[in-house]
Amino acid sequence: MNRFYVILLAPLVLAFSAFATPSACPTASLSAYLAPSFSCTINSLTFSNWGYQNLNVAAASVSVDPQTVMANEGFQFQSSWNVNNTNGGPEATEDSLISFTASGPGITNLELFFNGSVTGTGSASVTELYCLNGTLTTCPVPLQKISVTNPPPGFSDHVFFSPVASVSVSKDILVDTGVGPGSAMISQVTNNFSSPEPLSFVLLGSGLLGLGLLRKRIKR
């Protein structure tokens, strides 16, 4: 086959392989995602390298709900991150760390959302470190971050970047009562990633193939 047409057909092959990828991400507890070498897919994105740290909130009590909207894939994590110091007790905190890697064709956007509520001196926040085209421990550039907080009330944050093949993230979910009286609660954290729809690769490949055929016809 002419080398020119091999290059034209490559996006089509990649697109159809994306449609055929097995092991869709399940709606399950986080403990299922922490199985050794676990990975799963949502549309054209693959999620792997899962990790979790927390002594008080067990992974089994954190539910994971895949977000399957095309070109806005990700996860909603739900649990009860909750501390209370409204009765004059000592300052209390609850801190969890969820990490994973998203891989796929041309990821261009990372979005973070939560619903943290507070009273008195309480505070709630999620700070997410991320690395483009690398892991959190061996990132080729300094780690970057986005964050959501209450107070001040900033419930969503997002960042855009040039297309990359992977994004590794680590979410630090923190609730703190402060010196009191106060309370803080987080019940939902959502992480989404934007990447081109697989169909766009099909259309691109078809368009390039059409141009190639037209070019060949004109030469005749």
Protein backbone atom coordinates (compact mmCIF):
# COMPACT_ATOMS: atom_id res chain seq x y z
CA MET A 1 0.00 0.00 0.00
CA ASN A 2 1.21 3.52 -0.78
CA ARG A 3 2.88 5.04 2.28
CA PHE A 4 0.76 8.17 1.86
CA TYR A 5 -2.44 6.19 2.31
CA VAL A 6 -1.05 4.28 5.32
CA ILE A 7 -0.56 7.64 7.04
CA LEU A 8 -4.08 8.72 6.10
CA LEU A 9 -5.65 5.55 7.46
CA ALA A 10 -3.82 5.62 10.80
CA PRO A 11 -6.38 7.93 12.52
CA LEU A 12 -9.16 5.56 11.45
CA VAL A 13 -7.40 2.58 13.03
CA LEU A 14 -6.85 4.50 16.27
CA ALA A 15 -10.47 5.61 16.38
CA PHE A 16 -11.94 2.13 15.92
CA SER A 17 -9.54 0.67 18.50
CA ALA A 18 -10.82 3.29 20.96
CA PHE A 19 -14.39 2.09 20.38
CA ALA A 20 -13.34 -1.52 20.99
CA THR A 21 -11.40 -1.00 24.25
CA PRO A 22 -12.74 -3.38 26.95
CA SER A 23 -13.14 -3.03 30.74
CA ALA A 24 -15.46 -0.07 31.18
CA CYS A 25 -15.06 1.75 34.50
CA PRO A 26 -17.65 0.38 36.96
CA THR A 27 -19.92 2.14 39.42
CA ALA A 28 -18.38 0.68 42.57
CA SER A 29 -16.54 1.49 45.77
CA LEU A 30 -13.05 2.95 45.56
CA SER A 31 -11.67 -0.29 47.00
CA ALA A 32 -12.51 -2.02 43.68
CA TYR A 33 -10.37 0.54 41.83
CA LEU A 34 -7.44 -0.10 44.19
CA ALA A 35 -6.99 -3.71 43.05
CA PRO A 36 -3.42 -4.42 41.84
CA SER A 37 -2.79 -3.25 38.26
CA PHE A 38 -6.44 -2.14 37.90
CA SER A 39 -7.31 0.02 34.91
CA CYS A 40 -10.56 0.84 33.12
CA THR A 41 -11.91 2.97 30.31
CA ILE A 42 -14.56 5.62 29.75
CA ASN A 43 -15.06 6.19 26.02
CA SER A 44 -11.56 6.96 24.65
CA LEU A 45 -9.84 7.55 28.02
CA THR A 46 -8.07 4.94 30.17
CA PHE A 47 -7.68 5.38 33.95
CA SER A 48 -4.94 3.61 35.92
CA ASN A 49 -2.37 3.95 38.74
CA TRP A 50 -5.03 4.27 41.44
CA GLY A 51 -4.07 5.21 44.98
CA TYR A 52 -5.79 6.24 48.22
CA GLN A 53 -4.67 7.40 51.66
CA ASN A 54 -6.89 7.90 54.72
CA LEU A 55 -6.91 6.21 58.12
CA ASN A 56 -10.50 7.07 59.09
CA VAL A 57 -12.56 7.02 55.88
CA ALA A 58 -12.18 3.55 54.38
CA ALA A 59 -11.90 3.15 50.61
CA ALA A 60 -14.92 0.84 50.77
CA SER A 61 -17.03 3.77 51.98
CA VAL A 62 -16.07 6.00 49.02
CA SER A 63 -18.33 5.41 46.01
CA VAL A 64 -17.05 6.01 42.48
CA ASP A 65 -19.52 6.99 39.75
CA PRO A 66 -18.03 7.24 36.22
CA GLN A 67 -19.01 10.34 34.25
CA THR A 68 -19.57 9.16 30.68
CA VAL A 69 -20.49 12.31 28.74
CA MET A 70 -18.43 12.23 25.54
CA ALA A 71 -15.43 14.61 25.64
CA ASN A 72 -16.08 15.35 29.34
CA GLU A 73 -15.24 12.03 30.98
CA GLY A 74 -14.25 11.54 34.61
CA PHE A 75 -15.50 10.49 38.03
CA GLN A 76 -17.74 11.58 40.86
CA PHE A 77 -16.46 10.48 44.29
CA GLN A 78 -18.97 10.38 47.14
CA SER A 79 -18.45 9.78 50.85
CA SER A 80 -18.86 11.53 54.21
CA TRP A 81 -15.82 13.65 54.92
CA ASN A 82 -17.23 15.34 58.02
CA VAL A 83 -15.84 17.01 61.17
CA ASN A 84 -17.66 18.88 63.95
CA ASN A 85 -16.53 21.16 66.76
CA THR A 86 -19.74 23.00 67.57
CA ASN A 87 -19.83 21.79 71.19
CA GLY A 88 -16.48 23.18 72.29
CA GLY A 89 -14.36 20.12 71.52
CA PRO A 90 -10.79 20.21 70.16
CA GLU A 91 -10.00 21.19 66.58
CA ALA A 92 -10.58 18.25 64.24
CA THR A 93 -9.51 17.50 60.67
CA GLU A 94 -10.18 14.78 58.09
CA ASP A 95 -7.78 14.37 55.18
CA SER A 96 -8.00 11.99 52.19
CA LEU A 97 -5.82 11.59 49.11
CA ILE A 98 -7.14 10.05 45.85
CA SER A 99 -4.77 9.67 42.91
CA PHE A 100 -4.90 8.18 39.39
CA THR A 101 -3.72 8.72 35.82
CA ALA A 102 -5.94 9.54 32.82
CA SER A 103 -4.55 8.58 29.41
CA GLY A 104 -6.02 9.17 25.97
CA PRO A 105 -5.84 11.01 22.64
CA GLY A 106 -5.19 14.71 23.14
CA ILE A 107 -6.48 15.59 26.64
CA THR A 108 -6.89 19.38 26.76
CA ASN A 109 -8.80 20.24 29.93
CA LEU A 110 -8.98 19.32 33.62
CA GLU A 111 -11.96 20.30 35.80
CA LEU A 112 -12.55 19.94 39.54
CA PHE A 113 -15.82 20.44 41.47
CA PHE A 114 -17.02 19.85 45.04
CA ASN A 115 -19.91 20.73 47.34
CA GLY A 116 -18.08 21.55 50.60
CA SER A 117 -20.23 23.21 53.27
CA VAL A 118 -19.04 24.82 56.51
CA THR A 119 -20.26 26.57 59.65
CA GLY A 120 -18.41 28.87 62.06
CA THR A 121 -14.64 28.50 61.84
CA GLY A 122 -14.85 25.37 59.66
CA SER A 123 -13.22 25.07 56.24
CA ALA A 124 -13.43 22.58 53.37
CA SER A 125 -11.15 22.28 50.36
CA VAL A 126 -9.88 19.99 47.62
CA THR A 127 -6.42 20.74 46.25
CA GLU A 128 -5.45 18.79 43.15
CA LEU A 129 -1.85 18.42 42.01
CA TYR A 130 -1.43 17.35 38.40
CA CYS A 131 1.32 16.37 35.98
CA LEU A 132 1.02 16.50 32.19
CA ASN A 133 2.63 13.62 30.28
CA GLY A 134 4.19 12.07 33.38
CA THR A 135 3.59 10.61 36.82
CA LEU A 136 3.34 12.54 40.05
CA THR A 137 6.63 11.11 41.29
CA THR A 138 8.60 11.49 38.05
CA CYS A 139 6.97 14.54 36.45
CA PRO A 140 9.24 16.12 33.80
CA VAL A 141 8.12 19.61 34.91
CA PRO A 142 7.09 21.09 38.32
CA LEU A 143 3.70 19.84 39.51
CA GLN A 144 0.83 22.25 38.97
CA LYS A 145 -2.43 22.57 40.91
CA ILE A 146 -6.05 23.62 40.88
CA SER A 147 -8.24 23.95 43.97
CA VAL A 148 -11.78 24.39 45.23
CA THR A 149 -12.53 25.91 48.64
CA ASN A 150 -15.15 27.05 51.10
CA PRO A 151 -14.52 29.67 52.45
CA PRO A 152 -14.09 31.59 50.23
CA PRO A 153 -16.80 29.89 48.20
CA GLY A 154 -15.12 28.58 45.06
CA PHE A 155 -16.82 25.32 44.16
CA SER A 156 -15.27 24.66 40.75
CA ASP A 157 -11.95 25.22 39.04
CA HIS A 158 -10.54 24.19 35.68
CA VAL A 159 -7.45 24.55 33.53
CA PHE A 160 -6.84 24.30 29.77
CA PHE A 161 -3.60 23.17 28.16
CA SER A 162 -2.15 22.01 24.83
CA PRO A 163 -3.13 18.40 23.95
CA VAL A 164 -1.32 15.78 26.06
CA ALA A 165 -1.35 11.98 26.14
CA SER A 166 -1.80 11.67 29.92
CA VAL A 167 -2.65 13.60 33.08
CA SER A 168 -1.74 12.26 36.53
CA VAL A 169 -3.70 13.77 39.42
CA SER A 170 -3.76 13.65 43.22
CA LYS A 171 -6.74 15.11 45.12
CA ASP A 172 -6.18 16.23 48.73
CA ILE A 173 -9.68 16.28 50.26
CA LEU A 174 -9.56 18.24 53.54
CA VAL A 175 -12.17 19.28 56.11
CA ASP A 176 -11.20 21.25 59.26
CA THR A 177 -13.28 22.58 62.16
CA GLY A 178 -10.84 25.37 62.98
CA VAL A 179 -10.55 26.42 66.63
CA GLY A 180 -14.34 26.29 66.94
CA PRO A 181 -17.14 26.42 67.16
CA GLY A 182 -17.30 25.14 63.61
CA SER A 183 -17.98 22.23 61.29
CA ALA A 184 -17.06 21.20 57.77
CA MET A 185 -18.39 18.61 55.33
CA ILE A 186 -17.61 17.33 51.83
CA SER A 187 -19.87 14.68 50.31
CA GLN A 188 -19.01 14.94 46.60
CA VAL A 189 -15.91 15.58 44.50
CA THR A 190 -16.05 15.49 40.69
CA ASN A 191 -13.09 15.31 38.30
CA ASN A 192 -13.56 15.65 34.52
CA PHE A 193 -11.23 15.57 31.52
CA SER A 194 -11.80 16.85 27.99
CA SER A 195 -10.49 15.10 24.91
CA PRO A 196 -11.62 14.83 21.26
CA GLU A 197 -14.49 12.46 20.54
CA PRO A 198 -13.38 9.25 18.73
CA LEU A 199 -15.76 10.19 15.91
CA SER A 200 -13.68 13.30 15.25
CA PHE A 201 -10.74 11.06 14.37
CA VAL A 202 -12.94 9.14 11.95
CA LEU A 203 -14.06 12.37 10.30
CA LEU A 204 -10.48 13.65 10.17
CA GLY A 205 -9.24 10.41 8.64
CA SER A 206 -12.09 10.34 6.14
CA GLY A 207 -11.40 13.94 5.15
CA LEU A 208 -7.70 13.31 4.65
CA LEU A 209 -8.44 10.16 2.68
CA GLY A 210 -10.82 12.11 0.46
CA LEU A 211 -8.20 14.77 -0.16
CA GLY A 212 -5.70 12.05 -1.06
CA LEU A 213 -8.06 10.47 -3.57
CA LEU A 214 -8.84 13.88 -5.05
CA ARG A 215 -5.15 14.63 -5.36
CA LYS A 216 -4.57 11.32 -7.15
CA ARG A 217 -7.47 12.00 -9.54
CA ILE A 218 -6.18 15.48 -10.40
CA LYS A 219 -2.73 14.06 -11.21
CA ARG A 220 -4.34 11.72 -13.73
